[in-house]
């Protein structure tokens, strides 16, 4: 069975110090908080096929004031992981979380059967 058929998404093993979280169906997800162990990170995500979402993007948010720090490029919801190539400077003493947004071809909120977000 495919990830879309089972509603389960498995992210590849994250490198030491990296963060990853998988989600079920939905057009928006917020991860649990994490504290980066490196001063520069990159973010990425996955979106499963089979829903209305045709693309997705991920945001990095500072937890203590809900400030958006960075938004990734938009990527196809094709079941593969996509990592934004740009490095993001972060404070290793601060807590952050990731937001995942699914979009349809018109840029409107749209659901994917499963999703995931991660740092590298």
N, C-alpha and C. Protein backbone atom coordinates (compact mmCIF):
# COMPACT_ATOMS: atom_id res chain seq x y z
N UNK A 1 0.83 -1.18 0.00
CA UNK A 1 0.00 0.00 0.00
C UNK A 1 0.87 1.24 0.00
N UNK A 2 0.40 2.27 -0.61
CA UNK A 2 1.14 3.53 -0.62
C UNK A 2 0.82 4.33 0.62
N UNK A 3 1.62 5.36 0.86
CA UNK A 3 1.37 6.24 2.00
C UNK A 3 -0.01 6.88 1.88
N UNK A 4 -0.40 7.27 0.67
CA UNK A 4 -1.70 7.91 0.48
C UNK A 4 -2.82 6.94 0.78
N UNK A 5 -2.65 5.67 0.42
CA UNK A 5 -3.70 4.68 0.63
C UNK A 5 -3.87 4.36 2.11
N UNK A 6 -2.78 4.37 2.87
CA UNK A 6 -2.86 4.01 4.28
C UNK A 6 -3.03 5.22 5.18
N UNK A 7 -2.77 6.43 4.66
CA UNK A 7 -2.85 7.63 5.49
C UNK A 7 -1.67 7.77 6.43
N UNK A 8 -0.60 7.03 6.18
CA UNK A 8 0.58 7.06 7.03
C UNK A 8 1.75 7.59 6.21
N UNK A 9 2.52 8.47 6.81
CA UNK A 9 3.69 9.02 6.13
C UNK A 9 4.90 8.75 7.01
N UNK A 10 5.90 8.14 6.47
CA UNK A 10 7.13 7.87 7.20
C UNK A 10 8.22 8.78 6.67
N UNK A 11 8.77 9.59 7.56
CA UNK A 11 9.89 10.44 7.18
C UNK A 11 11.17 9.64 7.38
N UNK A 12 12.12 9.84 6.49
CA UNK A 12 13.41 9.17 6.61
C UNK A 12 14.05 9.57 7.94
N UNK A 13 14.91 8.74 8.43
CA UNK A 13 15.59 9.03 9.69
C UNK A 13 16.26 10.39 9.62
N UNK A 14 16.00 11.20 10.62
CA UNK A 14 16.56 12.55 10.65
C UNK A 14 17.99 12.50 11.17
N UNK A 15 18.86 13.37 10.65
CA UNK A 15 20.23 13.43 11.16
C UNK A 15 20.22 13.81 12.64
N UNK A 16 21.30 13.48 13.35
CA UNK A 16 21.40 13.83 14.76
C UNK A 16 21.16 15.32 14.94
N UNK A 17 20.35 15.69 15.90
CA UNK A 17 20.06 17.09 16.17
C UNK A 17 18.96 17.67 15.31
N UNK A 18 18.48 16.92 14.33
CA UNK A 18 17.39 17.40 13.48
C UNK A 18 16.05 17.06 14.12
N UNK A 19 14.98 17.64 13.60
CA UNK A 19 13.63 17.44 14.12
C UNK A 19 12.73 17.01 12.99
N UNK A 20 11.79 16.10 13.25
CA UNK A 20 10.79 15.75 12.25
C UNK A 20 9.50 15.33 12.94
N UNK A 21 8.38 15.57 12.26
CA UNK A 21 7.08 15.16 12.77
C UNK A 21 6.16 14.85 11.61
N UNK A 22 5.40 13.76 11.74
CA UNK A 22 4.42 13.38 10.73
C UNK A 22 3.03 13.77 11.20
N UNK A 23 2.14 14.05 10.25
CA UNK A 23 0.78 14.46 10.55
C UNK A 23 -0.20 13.62 9.74
N UNK A 24 -1.43 13.58 10.18
CA UNK A 24 -2.50 12.93 9.43
C UNK A 24 -3.09 13.89 8.41
N UNK A 25 -4.34 13.66 8.05
CA UNK A 25 -5.03 14.47 7.05
C UNK A 25 -5.27 15.89 7.55
N UNK A 26 -5.19 16.85 6.64
CA UNK A 26 -5.49 18.24 7.00
C UNK A 26 -4.85 19.22 6.05
N UNK A 27 -5.28 20.48 6.15
CA UNK A 27 -4.72 21.55 5.32
C UNK A 27 -3.72 22.41 6.10
N UNK A 28 -3.71 22.27 7.43
CA UNK A 28 -2.79 23.02 8.29
C UNK A 28 -2.37 22.12 9.44
N UNK A 29 -1.10 22.15 9.77
CA UNK A 29 -0.59 21.42 10.92
C UNK A 29 0.47 22.26 11.61
N UNK A 30 0.54 22.18 12.93
CA UNK A 30 1.61 22.80 13.70
C UNK A 30 2.33 21.69 14.46
N UNK A 31 3.64 21.71 14.39
CA UNK A 31 4.43 20.67 15.06
C UNK A 31 4.54 20.97 16.55
N UNK A 32 5.10 20.01 17.27
CA UNK A 32 5.46 20.26 18.66
C UNK A 32 6.69 21.17 18.66
N UNK A 33 6.98 21.75 19.80
CA UNK A 33 8.14 22.63 19.94
C UNK A 33 9.44 21.83 19.90
N UNK A 34 10.48 22.48 19.42
CA UNK A 34 11.82 21.89 19.45
C UNK A 34 12.83 23.01 19.62
N UNK A 35 14.01 22.66 20.13
CA UNK A 35 15.12 23.60 20.30
C UNK A 35 16.25 23.14 19.39
N UNK A 36 16.64 23.95 18.40
CA UNK A 36 17.71 23.56 17.48
C UNK A 36 19.04 23.38 18.22
N UNK A 37 19.84 22.44 17.74
CA UNK A 37 21.17 22.22 18.32
C UNK A 37 22.26 22.85 17.47
N UNK A 38 21.87 23.41 16.33
CA UNK A 38 22.80 24.09 15.42
C UNK A 38 22.28 25.50 15.18
N UNK A 39 23.18 26.44 14.98
CA UNK A 39 22.80 27.82 14.74
C UNK A 39 22.25 28.09 13.35
N UNK A 40 22.39 27.14 12.44
CA UNK A 40 21.83 27.25 11.09
C UNK A 40 21.10 25.96 10.76
N UNK A 41 19.85 26.08 10.34
CA UNK A 41 19.07 24.91 9.95
C UNK A 41 18.42 25.15 8.59
N UNK A 42 17.90 24.10 8.00
CA UNK A 42 17.05 24.18 6.82
C UNK A 42 15.76 23.46 7.16
N UNK A 43 14.66 23.86 6.53
CA UNK A 43 13.37 23.22 6.80
C UNK A 43 12.81 22.59 5.54
N UNK A 44 11.95 21.62 5.73
CA UNK A 44 11.33 20.95 4.60
C UNK A 44 10.08 20.23 5.03
N UNK A 45 9.48 19.54 4.08
CA UNK A 45 8.26 18.79 4.39
C UNK A 45 7.87 17.86 3.28
N UNK A 46 6.75 17.18 3.52
CA UNK A 46 6.15 16.26 2.55
C UNK A 46 4.65 16.47 2.57
N UNK A 47 4.03 16.21 1.45
CA UNK A 47 2.57 16.18 1.36
C UNK A 47 2.18 15.00 0.49
N UNK A 48 1.27 14.17 0.98
CA UNK A 48 0.84 12.99 0.22
C UNK A 48 -0.10 13.36 -0.91
N UNK A 49 -0.10 12.54 -1.94
CA UNK A 49 -1.04 12.69 -3.04
C UNK A 49 -2.39 12.12 -2.62
N UNK A 50 -3.43 12.43 -3.38
CA UNK A 50 -4.74 11.85 -3.13
C UNK A 50 -5.73 12.80 -2.49
N UNK A 51 -5.32 13.98 -2.11
CA UNK A 51 -6.23 14.97 -1.55
C UNK A 51 -6.35 16.16 -2.48
N UNK A 52 -6.99 17.21 -2.02
CA UNK A 52 -7.16 18.42 -2.82
C UNK A 52 -5.87 19.25 -2.89
N UNK A 53 -4.97 19.06 -1.92
CA UNK A 53 -3.72 19.83 -1.90
C UNK A 53 -2.83 19.40 -3.07
N UNK A 54 -2.40 20.37 -3.83
CA UNK A 54 -1.48 20.12 -4.94
C UNK A 54 -0.07 20.60 -4.60
N UNK A 55 0.03 21.44 -3.57
CA UNK A 55 1.33 21.94 -3.13
C UNK A 55 1.27 22.21 -1.63
N UNK A 56 2.43 22.49 -1.06
CA UNK A 56 2.52 22.82 0.36
C UNK A 56 3.72 23.72 0.58
N UNK A 57 3.73 24.38 1.72
CA UNK A 57 4.93 25.07 2.18
C UNK A 57 5.00 24.95 3.69
N UNK A 58 6.18 25.21 4.23
CA UNK A 58 6.44 25.06 5.66
C UNK A 58 6.98 26.39 6.19
N UNK A 59 6.57 26.75 7.40
CA UNK A 59 7.09 27.95 8.05
C UNK A 59 7.78 27.56 9.35
N UNK A 60 8.84 28.28 9.67
CA UNK A 60 9.51 28.17 10.96
C UNK A 60 9.02 29.32 11.83
N UNK A 61 8.56 29.00 13.05
CA UNK A 61 7.98 30.00 13.94
C UNK A 61 8.68 29.94 15.30
N UNK A 62 9.03 31.12 15.83
CA UNK A 62 9.61 31.19 17.18
C UNK A 62 8.45 31.04 18.18
N UNK A 63 8.58 30.11 19.11
CA UNK A 63 7.48 29.77 20.01
C UNK A 63 7.08 30.91 20.95
N UNK A 64 8.03 31.57 21.59
CA UNK A 64 7.68 32.49 22.68
C UNK A 64 6.85 33.69 22.24
N UNK A 65 6.93 34.11 21.00
CA UNK A 65 6.11 35.24 20.54
C UNK A 65 5.37 34.95 19.23
N UNK A 66 5.36 33.69 18.82
CA UNK A 66 4.68 33.24 17.58
C UNK A 66 5.11 34.04 16.35
N UNK A 67 6.36 34.48 16.33
CA UNK A 67 6.88 35.23 15.20
C UNK A 67 7.32 34.28 14.09
N UNK A 68 6.80 34.51 12.88
CA UNK A 68 7.25 33.73 11.73
C UNK A 68 8.68 34.15 11.42
N UNK A 69 9.58 33.19 11.40
CA UNK A 69 10.99 33.45 11.14
C UNK A 69 11.32 33.25 9.66
N UNK A 70 10.65 32.26 9.03
CA UNK A 70 11.02 31.89 7.66
C UNK A 70 9.89 31.09 7.03
N UNK A 71 9.68 31.29 5.73
CA UNK A 71 8.75 30.47 4.93
C UNK A 71 9.52 29.79 3.81
N UNK A 72 9.25 28.51 3.62
CA UNK A 72 9.91 27.76 2.55
C UNK A 72 9.29 28.12 1.20
N UNK A 73 9.95 27.68 0.15
CA UNK A 73 9.35 27.72 -1.16
C UNK A 73 8.14 26.79 -1.15
N UNK A 74 7.29 26.88 -2.15
CA UNK A 74 6.16 25.97 -2.32
C UNK A 74 6.63 24.76 -3.11
N UNK A 75 6.20 23.58 -2.68
CA UNK A 75 6.60 22.33 -3.31
C UNK A 75 5.38 21.48 -3.64
N UNK A 76 5.50 20.61 -4.62
CA UNK A 76 4.41 19.72 -5.01
C UNK A 76 4.09 18.70 -3.94
N UNK A 77 2.79 18.45 -3.73
CA UNK A 77 2.34 17.41 -2.79
C UNK A 77 2.39 16.08 -3.54
N UNK A 78 3.59 15.54 -3.66
CA UNK A 78 3.83 14.34 -4.47
C UNK A 78 4.33 13.15 -3.65
N UNK A 79 4.26 13.26 -2.33
CA UNK A 79 4.68 12.17 -1.46
C UNK A 79 6.17 12.13 -1.17
N UNK A 80 6.93 13.03 -1.78
CA UNK A 80 8.38 13.07 -1.57
C UNK A 80 8.74 14.21 -0.62
N UNK A 81 9.88 14.07 0.05
CA UNK A 81 10.38 15.14 0.89
C UNK A 81 11.03 16.22 0.05
N UNK A 82 10.78 17.46 0.42
CA UNK A 82 11.38 18.61 -0.27
C UNK A 82 11.99 19.52 0.79
N UNK A 83 13.28 19.80 0.67
CA UNK A 83 13.99 20.64 1.63
C UNK A 83 14.36 21.96 0.98
N UNK A 84 13.97 23.06 1.63
CA UNK A 84 14.34 24.38 1.13
C UNK A 84 15.86 24.51 1.22
N UNK A 85 16.52 24.95 0.15
CA UNK A 85 17.99 24.99 0.15
C UNK A 85 18.60 26.13 0.97
N UNK A 86 17.78 27.08 1.40
CA UNK A 86 18.31 28.25 2.11
C UNK A 86 18.52 27.95 3.60
N UNK A 87 19.67 28.31 4.11
CA UNK A 87 19.96 28.16 5.54
C UNK A 87 19.28 29.26 6.33
N UNK A 88 18.83 28.93 7.53
CA UNK A 88 18.13 29.87 8.40
C UNK A 88 18.92 30.00 9.70
N UNK A 89 19.30 31.21 10.05
CA UNK A 89 19.98 31.44 11.32
C UNK A 89 18.99 31.39 12.47
N UNK A 90 19.27 30.56 13.48
CA UNK A 90 18.38 30.41 14.62
C UNK A 90 19.18 30.50 15.92
N UNK A 91 18.47 30.76 17.01
CA UNK A 91 19.06 30.82 18.34
C UNK A 91 18.96 29.43 18.97
N UNK A 92 20.09 28.82 19.30
CA UNK A 92 20.08 27.46 19.86
C UNK A 92 19.48 27.42 21.27
N UNK A 93 19.22 28.55 21.88
CA UNK A 93 18.59 28.58 23.20
C UNK A 93 17.10 28.86 23.14
N UNK A 94 16.55 29.01 21.95
CA UNK A 94 15.12 29.33 21.79
C UNK A 94 14.34 28.14 21.25
N UNK A 95 13.06 28.11 21.58
CA UNK A 95 12.16 27.07 21.11
C UNK A 95 11.45 27.54 19.84
N UNK A 96 11.27 26.62 18.91
CA UNK A 96 10.61 26.89 17.64
C UNK A 96 9.59 25.79 17.35
N UNK A 97 8.72 26.03 16.38
CA UNK A 97 7.87 24.98 15.84
C UNK A 97 7.68 25.21 14.35
N UNK A 98 7.17 24.20 13.65
CA UNK A 98 6.95 24.27 12.21
C UNK A 98 5.46 24.28 11.91
N UNK A 99 5.08 25.08 10.94
CA UNK A 99 3.71 25.08 10.43
C UNK A 99 3.74 24.51 9.02
N UNK A 100 2.79 23.63 8.71
CA UNK A 100 2.65 23.02 7.38
C UNK A 100 1.33 23.49 6.80
N UNK A 101 1.35 24.02 5.57
CA UNK A 101 0.14 24.51 4.89
C UNK A 101 -0.03 23.81 3.55
N UNK A 102 -1.20 23.22 3.31
CA UNK A 102 -1.55 22.63 2.03
C UNK A 102 -2.32 23.63 1.18
N UNK A 103 -2.08 23.63 -0.13
CA UNK A 103 -2.74 24.57 -1.05
C UNK A 103 -3.21 23.84 -2.30
N UNK A 104 -4.33 24.32 -2.88
CA UNK A 104 -4.79 23.79 -4.16
C UNK A 104 -4.14 24.59 -5.29
N UNK A 105 -4.51 24.31 -6.52
CA UNK A 105 -3.90 25.01 -7.66
C UNK A 105 -4.19 26.50 -7.67
N UNK A 106 -5.26 26.92 -7.01
CA UNK A 106 -5.61 28.34 -6.95
C UNK A 106 -5.00 29.06 -5.76
N UNK A 107 -4.20 28.35 -4.95
CA UNK A 107 -3.56 28.97 -3.80
C UNK A 107 -4.42 28.98 -2.54
N UNK A 108 -5.57 28.30 -2.58
CA UNK A 108 -6.46 28.24 -1.43
C UNK A 108 -6.09 27.07 -0.53
N UNK A 109 -6.48 27.16 0.73
CA UNK A 109 -6.23 26.09 1.68
C UNK A 109 -6.83 24.79 1.18
N UNK A 110 -6.06 23.70 1.23
CA UNK A 110 -6.52 22.40 0.74
C UNK A 110 -5.85 21.29 1.54
N UNK A 111 -6.57 20.21 1.71
CA UNK A 111 -6.13 19.10 2.55
C UNK A 111 -5.33 18.05 1.78
N UNK A 112 -4.34 17.49 2.45
CA UNK A 112 -3.60 16.32 1.96
C UNK A 112 -3.89 15.18 2.94
N UNK A 113 -3.92 13.93 2.45
CA UNK A 113 -4.22 12.81 3.35
C UNK A 113 -3.18 12.60 4.45
N UNK A 114 -1.97 13.04 4.23
CA UNK A 114 -0.93 12.98 5.25
C UNK A 114 0.15 13.99 4.89
N UNK A 115 0.92 14.37 5.89
CA UNK A 115 1.93 15.41 5.69
C UNK A 115 3.05 15.21 6.71
N UNK A 116 4.11 15.97 6.54
CA UNK A 116 5.21 15.94 7.49
C UNK A 116 6.06 17.19 7.35
N UNK A 117 6.76 17.53 8.42
CA UNK A 117 7.66 18.69 8.40
C UNK A 117 8.92 18.31 9.16
N UNK A 118 10.05 18.88 8.77
CA UNK A 118 11.32 18.49 9.38
C UNK A 118 12.35 19.60 9.25
N UNK A 119 13.44 19.45 10.03
CA UNK A 119 14.61 20.32 9.90
C UNK A 119 15.81 19.44 9.57
N UNK A 120 16.79 20.04 8.93
CA UNK A 120 18.07 19.37 8.68
C UNK A 120 19.18 20.36 8.96
